[in-house]
C-alpha atoms as a PDB file:
ATOM      1  CA  UNK A   1       0.000   0.000   0.000  1.00  0.00           C
ATOM      2  CA  UNK A   2       1.257   3.447  -0.876  1.00  0.00           C
ATOM      3  CA  UNK A   3       0.146   7.034  -0.385  1.00  0.00           C
ATOM      4  CA  UNK A   4       1.618  10.040  -2.146  1.00  0.00           C
ATOM      5  CA  UNK A   5       1.224  13.746  -1.537  1.00  0.00           C
ATOM      6  CA  UNK A   6       1.736  16.013  -4.529  1.00  0.00           C
ATOM      7  CA  UNK A   7       2.795  19.476  -3.446  1.00  0.00           C
ATOM      8  CA  UNK A   8       1.793  22.155  -5.917  1.00  0.00           C
ATOM      9  CA  UNK A   9       3.722  25.018  -4.384  1.00  0.00           C
ATOM     10  CA  UNK A  10       6.703  26.574  -6.160  1.00  0.00           C
ATOM     11  CA  UNK A  11       8.282  27.107  -2.713  1.00  0.00           C
ATOM     12  CA  UNK A  12      10.301  24.103  -1.593  1.00  0.00           C
ATOM     13  CA  UNK A  13       9.964  23.290   2.119  1.00  0.00           C
ATOM     14  CA  UNK A  14       7.232  25.893   2.548  1.00  0.00           C
ATOM     15  CA  UNK A  15       3.930  25.692   4.398  1.00  0.00           C
ATOM     16  CA  UNK A  16       2.214  23.492   1.820  1.00  0.00           C
ATOM     17  CA  UNK A  17       5.026  20.962   1.974  1.00  0.00           C
ATOM     18  CA  UNK A  18       5.034  21.085   5.792  1.00  0.00           C
ATOM     19  CA  UNK A  19       1.318  20.293   6.025  1.00  0.00           C
ATOM     20  CA  UNK A  20       1.541  17.554   3.369  1.00  0.00           C
ATOM     21  CA  UNK A  21       4.505  15.956   5.154  1.00  0.00           C
ATOM     22  CA  UNK A  22       2.545  16.072   8.406  1.00  0.00           C
ATOM     23  CA  UNK A  23      -0.381  14.173   6.838  1.00  0.00           C
ATOM     24  CA  UNK A  24       2.028  11.656   5.281  1.00  0.00           C
ATOM     25  CA  UNK A  25       3.639  11.045   8.682  1.00  0.00           C
ATOM     26  CA  UNK A  26       0.206  10.155  10.093  1.00  0.00           C
ATOM     27  CA  UNK A  27      -0.307   7.737   7.199  1.00  0.00           C
ATOM     28  CA  UNK A  28       3.152   6.193   7.603  1.00  0.00           C
ATOM     29  CA  UNK A  29       2.426   5.510  11.276  1.00  0.00           C
ATOM     30  CA  UNK A  30      -0.314   3.174  10.035  1.00  0.00           C
ATOM     31  CA  UNK A  31       2.176   1.045   8.080  1.00  0.00           C
ATOM     32  CA  UNK A  32       1.556   2.523   4.646  1.00  0.00           C
ATOM     33  CA  UNK A  33       4.477   3.561   2.439  1.00  0.00           C
ATOM     34  CA  UNK A  34       4.492   7.271   1.647  1.00  0.00           C
ATOM     35  CA  UNK A  35       6.148   9.608  -0.811  1.00  0.00           C
ATOM     36  CA  UNK A  36       6.170  13.372  -1.147  1.00  0.00           C
ATOM     37  CA  UNK A  37       6.234  14.609  -4.746  1.00  0.00           C
ATOM     38  CA  UNK A  38       7.250  18.248  -5.227  1.00  0.00           C
ATOM     39  CA  UNK A  39       6.101  19.915  -8.404  1.00  0.00           C
ATOM     40  CA  UNK A  40       8.471  22.810  -7.659  1.00  0.00           C
ATOM     41  CA  UNK A  41      11.276  22.722 -10.188  1.00  0.00           C
ATOM     42  CA  UNK A  42       9.498  20.249 -12.471  1.00  0.00           C
ATOM     43  CA  UNK A  43       8.366  21.090 -15.968  1.00  0.00           C
ATOM     44  CA  UNK A  44       4.574  20.678 -15.779  1.00  0.00           C
ATOM     45  CA  UNK A  45       2.908  22.289 -18.783  1.00  0.00           C
ATOM     46  CA  UNK A  46      -0.779  22.960 -19.233  1.00  0.00           C
ATOM     47  CA  UNK A  47      -3.044  20.576 -21.102  1.00  0.00           C
ATOM     48  CA  UNK A  48      -3.597  21.512 -24.751  1.00  0.00           C
ATOM     49  CA  UNK A  49      -6.763  19.385 -25.073  1.00  0.00           C
ATOM     50  CA  UNK A  50      -5.298  17.674 -28.142  1.00  0.00           C
ATOM     51  CA  UNK A  51      -7.225  14.468 -27.364  1.00  0.00           C
ATOM     52  CA  UNK A  52      -4.288  12.097 -27.943  1.00  0.00           C
ATOM     53  CA  UNK A  53      -4.757  10.575 -24.480  1.00  0.00           C
ATOM     54  CA  UNK A  54      -8.328   9.537 -25.310  1.00  0.00           C
ATOM     55  CA  UNK A  55      -6.978   6.845 -27.630  1.00  0.00           C
ATOM     56  CA  UNK A  56      -4.150   5.564 -25.455  1.00  0.00           C
ATOM     57  CA  UNK A  57      -2.563   6.440 -22.169  1.00  0.00           C
ATOM     58  CA  UNK A  58       0.150   8.754 -23.412  1.00  0.00           C
ATOM     59  CA  UNK A  59       0.672  12.454 -23.857  1.00  0.00           C
ATOM     60  CA  UNK A  60       2.556  14.148 -26.700  1.00  0.00           C
ATOM     61  CA  UNK A  61       3.732  16.933 -24.359  1.00  0.00           C
ATOM     62  CA  UNK A  62       7.283  16.057 -23.345  1.00  0.00           C
ATOM     63  CA  UNK A  63       7.627  17.273 -19.771  1.00  0.00           C
ATOM     64  CA  UNK A  64       7.557  15.821 -16.237  1.00  0.00           C
ATOM     65  CA  UNK A  65       3.773  15.387 -15.945  1.00  0.00           C
ATOM     66  CA  UNK A  66       3.616  11.815 -17.247  1.00  0.00           C
ATOM     67  CA  UNK A  67       6.170  10.631 -14.652  1.00  0.00           C
ATOM     68  CA  UNK A  68       4.056  12.193 -11.881  1.00  0.00           C
ATOM     69  CA  UNK A  69       0.900  10.682 -13.414  1.00  0.00           C
ATOM     70  CA  UNK A  70       2.583   7.255 -13.315  1.00  0.00           C
ATOM     71  CA  UNK A  71       3.279   7.682  -9.578  1.00  0.00           C
ATOM     72  CA  UNK A  72      -0.355   8.661  -9.102  1.00  0.00           C
ATOM     73  CA  UNK A  73      -1.559   5.567 -10.950  1.00  0.00           C
ATOM     74  CA  UNK A  74       0.602   3.314  -8.791  1.00  0.00           C
ATOM     75  CA  UNK A  75      -0.533   4.859  -5.481  1.00  0.00           C
ATOM     76  CA  UNK A  76      -3.495   3.702  -3.422  1.00  0.00           C
ATOM     77  CA  UNK A  77      -4.008   7.189  -1.972  1.00  0.00           C
ATOM     78  CA  UNK A  78      -3.292  10.606  -3.442  1.00  0.00           C
ATOM     79  CA  UNK A  79      -3.197  13.910  -1.620  1.00  0.00           C
ATOM     80  CA  UNK A  80      -3.081  17.111  -3.632  1.00  0.00           C
ATOM     81  CA  UNK A  81      -1.680  20.018  -1.633  1.00  0.00           C
ATOM     82  CA  UNK A  82      -1.698  23.623  -2.789  1.00  0.00           C
ATOM     83  CA  UNK A  83      -1.270  27.131  -1.517  1.00  0.00           C
ATOM     84  CA  UNK A  84      -4.027  29.604  -2.313  1.00  0.00           C
ATOM     85  CA  UNK A  85      -3.042  32.016  -5.072  1.00  0.00           C
ATOM     86  CA  UNK A  86      -5.539  34.797  -5.721  1.00  0.00           C
ATOM     87  CA  UNK A  87      -8.452  32.759  -4.446  1.00  0.00           C
ATOM     88  CA  UNK A  88      -7.697  29.424  -6.109  1.00  0.00           C
ATOM     89  CA  UNK A  89      -5.183  26.621  -6.552  1.00  0.00           C
ATOM     90  CA  UNK A  90      -1.657  27.241  -7.789  1.00  0.00           C
ATOM     91  CA  UNK A  91      -1.091  26.958 -11.517  1.00  0.00           C
ATOM     92  CA  UNK A  92       1.331  24.077 -10.865  1.00  0.00           C
ATOM     93  CA  UNK A  93      -1.220  21.857  -9.146  1.00  0.00           C
ATOM     94  CA  UNK A  94      -3.972  22.882 -11.571  1.00  0.00           C
ATOM     95  CA  UNK A  95      -1.844  21.959 -14.598  1.00  0.00           C
ATOM     96  CA  UNK A  96      -1.066  18.584 -12.992  1.00  0.00           C
ATOM     97  CA  UNK A  97      -4.736  17.993 -12.190  1.00  0.00           C
ATOM     98  CA  UNK A  98      -5.771  18.770 -15.767  1.00  0.00           C
ATOM     99  CA  UNK A  99      -3.100  16.570 -17.287  1.00  0.00           C
ATOM    100  CA  UNK A 100      -3.709  13.632 -14.922  1.00  0.00           C
ATOM    101  CA  UNK A 101      -7.466  13.942 -15.333  1.00  0.00           C
ATOM    102  CA  UNK A 102      -7.251  13.839 -19.118  1.00  0.00           C
ATOM    103  CA  UNK A 103      -4.704  11.000 -19.077  1.00  0.00           C
ATOM    104  CA  UNK A 104      -6.973   8.937 -16.841  1.00  0.00           C
ATOM    105  CA  UNK A 105      -9.697   9.548 -19.438  1.00  0.00           C
ATOM    106  CA  UNK A 106     -12.133   6.799 -20.285  1.00  0.00           C
ATOM    107  CA  UNK A 107      -9.931   4.266 -18.478  1.00  0.00           C
ATOM    108  CA  UNK A 108     -10.838   5.871 -15.105  1.00  0.00           C
ATOM    109  CA  UNK A 109      -7.528   4.803 -13.567  1.00  0.00           C
ATOM    110  CA  UNK A 110      -8.237   6.725 -10.352  1.00  0.00           C
ATOM    111  CA  UNK A 111     -11.705   5.315  -9.656  1.00  0.00           C
ATOM    112  CA  UNK A 112     -11.690   3.498  -6.325  1.00  0.00           C
ATOM    113  CA  UNK A 113      -8.527   5.154  -5.024  1.00  0.00           C
ATOM    114  CA  UNK A 114      -8.490   7.242  -1.856  1.00  0.00           C
ATOM    115  CA  UNK A 115      -7.715  10.928  -2.073  1.00  0.00           C
ATOM    116  CA  UNK A 116      -8.291  14.441  -0.921  1.00  0.00           C
ATOM    117  CA  UNK A 117      -6.971  17.981  -0.782  1.00  0.00           C
ATOM    118  CA  UNK A 118      -4.816  19.974   1.610  1.00  0.00           C
ATOM    119  CA  UNK A 119      -4.951  23.745   1.250  1.00  0.00           C
ATOM    120  CA  UNK A 120      -2.817  26.483   2.808  1.00  0.00           C
ATOM    121  CA  UNK A 121      -3.967  30.102   2.798  1.00  0.00           C
ATOM    122  CA  UNK A 122      -2.571  33.285   4.202  1.00  0.00           C
ATOM    123  CA  UNK A 123      -6.004  34.688   4.988  1.00  0.00           C
ATOM    124  CA  UNK A 124      -8.776  33.801   2.531  1.00  0.00           C
ATOM    125  CA  UNK A 125      -9.680  31.750  -0.537  1.00  0.00           C
ATOM    126  CA  UNK A 126      -9.201  28.421   1.176  1.00  0.00           C
ATOM    127  CA  UNK A 127     -12.814  27.244   0.954  1.00  0.00           C
ATOM    128  CA  UNK A 128     -13.073  27.780  -2.783  1.00  0.00           C
ATOM    129  CA  UNK A 129      -9.669  26.193  -3.352  1.00  0.00           C
ATOM    130  CA  UNK A 130     -10.599  23.226  -1.163  1.00  0.00           C
ATOM    131  CA  UNK A 131     -13.789  22.755  -3.181  1.00  0.00           C
ATOM    132  CA  UNK A 132     -11.893  23.174  -6.455  1.00  0.00           C
ATOM    133  CA  UNK A 133      -9.626  20.250  -5.578  1.00  0.00           C
ATOM    134  CA  UNK A 134     -12.478  18.172  -4.149  1.00  0.00           C
ATOM    135  CA  UNK A 135     -14.393  18.484  -7.422  1.00  0.00           C
ATOM    136  CA  UNK A 136     -11.410  16.940  -9.217  1.00  0.00           C
ATOM    137  CA  UNK A 137     -11.314  13.983  -6.825  1.00  0.00           C
ATOM    138  CA  UNK A 138     -15.074  13.551  -7.062  1.00  0.00           C
ATOM    139  CA  UNK A 139     -15.341  13.528 -10.853  1.00  0.00           C
ATOM    140  CA  UNK A 140     -12.499  11.001 -11.147  1.00  0.00           C
ATOM    141  CA  UNK A 141     -14.139   8.506  -8.775  1.00  0.00           C
ATOM    142  CA  UNK A 142     -11.969   8.783  -5.660  1.00  0.00           C
ATOM    143  CA  UNK A 143     -13.165   7.898  -2.176  1.00  0.00           C
ATOM    144  CA  UNK A 144     -12.577  10.996  -0.046  1.00  0.00           C
ATOM    145  CA  UNK A 145     -12.079  10.671   3.703  1.00  0.00           C
ATOM    146  CA  UNK A 146     -13.022  13.535   5.950  1.00  0.00           C
ATOM    147  CA  UNK A 147     -11.280  14.958   8.975  1.00  0.00           C
ATOM    148  CA  UNK A 148     -12.257  17.061  11.971  1.00  0.00           C
ATOM    149  CA  UNK A 149     -12.636  20.176   9.792  1.00  0.00           C
ATOM    150  CA  UNK A 150     -11.973  21.085   6.174  1.00  0.00           C
ATOM    151  CA  UNK A 151      -8.398  20.211   5.203  1.00  0.00           C
ATOM    152  CA  UNK A 152      -7.150  23.778   5.405  1.00  0.00           C
ATOM    153  CA  UNK A 153      -4.475  25.595   7.351  1.00  0.00           C
ATOM    154  CA  UNK A 154      -3.132  29.103   7.587  1.00  0.00           C
ATOM    155  CA  UNK A 155       0.331  30.547   7.165  1.00  0.00           C
ATOM    156  CA  UNK A 156       2.279  32.989   5.051  1.00  0.00           C
ATOM    157  CA  UNK A 157       5.988  32.787   5.859  1.00  0.00           C
ATOM    158  CA  UNK A 158       7.743  29.417   5.800  1.00  0.00           C
ATOM    159  CA  UNK A 159       6.882  27.541   8.973  1.00  0.00           C
ATOM    160  CA  UNK A 160       3.868  29.670   9.936  1.00  0.00           C
ATOM    161  CA  UNK A 161       1.528  26.747   9.312  1.00  0.00           C
ATOM    162  CA  UNK A 162       3.055  24.907  12.274  1.00  0.00           C
ATOM    163  CA  UNK A 163       1.581  27.601  14.533  1.00  0.00           C
ATOM    164  CA  UNK A 164      -1.925  26.746  13.276  1.00  0.00           C
ATOM    165  CA  UNK A 165      -2.698  23.994  15.774  1.00  0.00           C
ATOM    166  CA  UNK A 166      -6.159  23.262  14.380  1.00  0.00           C
ATOM    167  CA  UNK A 167      -4.839  23.111  10.816  1.00  0.00           C
ATOM    168  CA  UNK A 168      -2.057  20.726  11.815  1.00  0.00           C
ATOM    169  CA  UNK A 169      -4.502  18.548  13.777  1.00  0.00           C
ATOM    170  CA  UNK A 170      -6.922  18.521  10.835  1.00  0.00           C
ATOM    171  CA  UNK A 171      -4.158  17.423   8.432  1.00  0.00           C
ATOM    172  CA  UNK A 172      -3.063  14.721  10.888  1.00  0.00           C
ATOM    173  CA  UNK A 173      -6.602  13.382  11.266  1.00  0.00           C
ATOM    174  CA  UNK A 174      -7.066  13.498   7.501  1.00  0.00           C
ATOM    175  CA  UNK A 175      -3.909  11.378   7.186  1.00  0.00           C
ATOM    176  CA  UNK A 176      -5.197   8.883   9.755  1.00  0.00           C
ATOM    177  CA  UNK A 177      -8.583   8.664   8.004  1.00  0.00           C
ATOM    178  CA  UNK A 178      -6.855   8.225   4.649  1.00  0.00           C
ATOM    179  CA  UNK A 179      -4.820   5.313   6.019  1.00  0.00           C
ATOM    180  CA  UNK A 180      -7.921   3.767   7.587  1.00  0.00           C
ATOM    181  CA  UNK A 181      -9.836   3.904   4.321  1.00  0.00           C
ATOM    182  CA  UNK A 182      -6.941   2.514   2.262  1.00  0.00           C
ATOM    183  CA  UNK A 183      -6.628  -0.420   4.671  1.00  0.00           C
ATOM    184  CA  UNK A 184     -10.374  -1.114   4.578  1.00  0.00           C
ATOM    185  CA  UNK A 185     -10.427  -1.057   0.782  1.00  0.00           C
ATOM    186  CA  UNK A 186      -7.389  -3.349   0.553  1.00  0.00           C
ATOM    187  CA  UNK A 187      -8.710  -5.848   3.125  1.00  0.00           C
END
């Protein structure tokens, strides 16, 4: 069993990565292998809607997205983590979502997997961004575990999110619920 968290922040080791790592630690405590995938520094281009992936599971765009998609396909649980940029998800995570969604296409490779979002905001926009990511999980057939609140946390400067006790606790509980659901589905 494996869970991955895809961090869609261009800032390495920032708040989004901290919260995703925290959720992964909760999952790892339950005996599930984990991996953090940073999109920062990768070449993830936007989908051109060419339709090539409808015929077969490949993409003519030569960048790093297909390698990330392959990790997603192999995982039992996927967490998408993003900072809030101007009221919505980062362009990095959105490009990855679009590409992975199209690549999964009629094959529905994500249906029956476990997944959910983690969102970090400085002040506002977190609810819309959370919903934006949830819609992606929903339309692709994921099972989405809940937590003790929406999977959001607050912070601006690197490390600020660790001061948000409720946000950290929510991410931890989300990780525990993710592990629980993966284990139940694999039993």
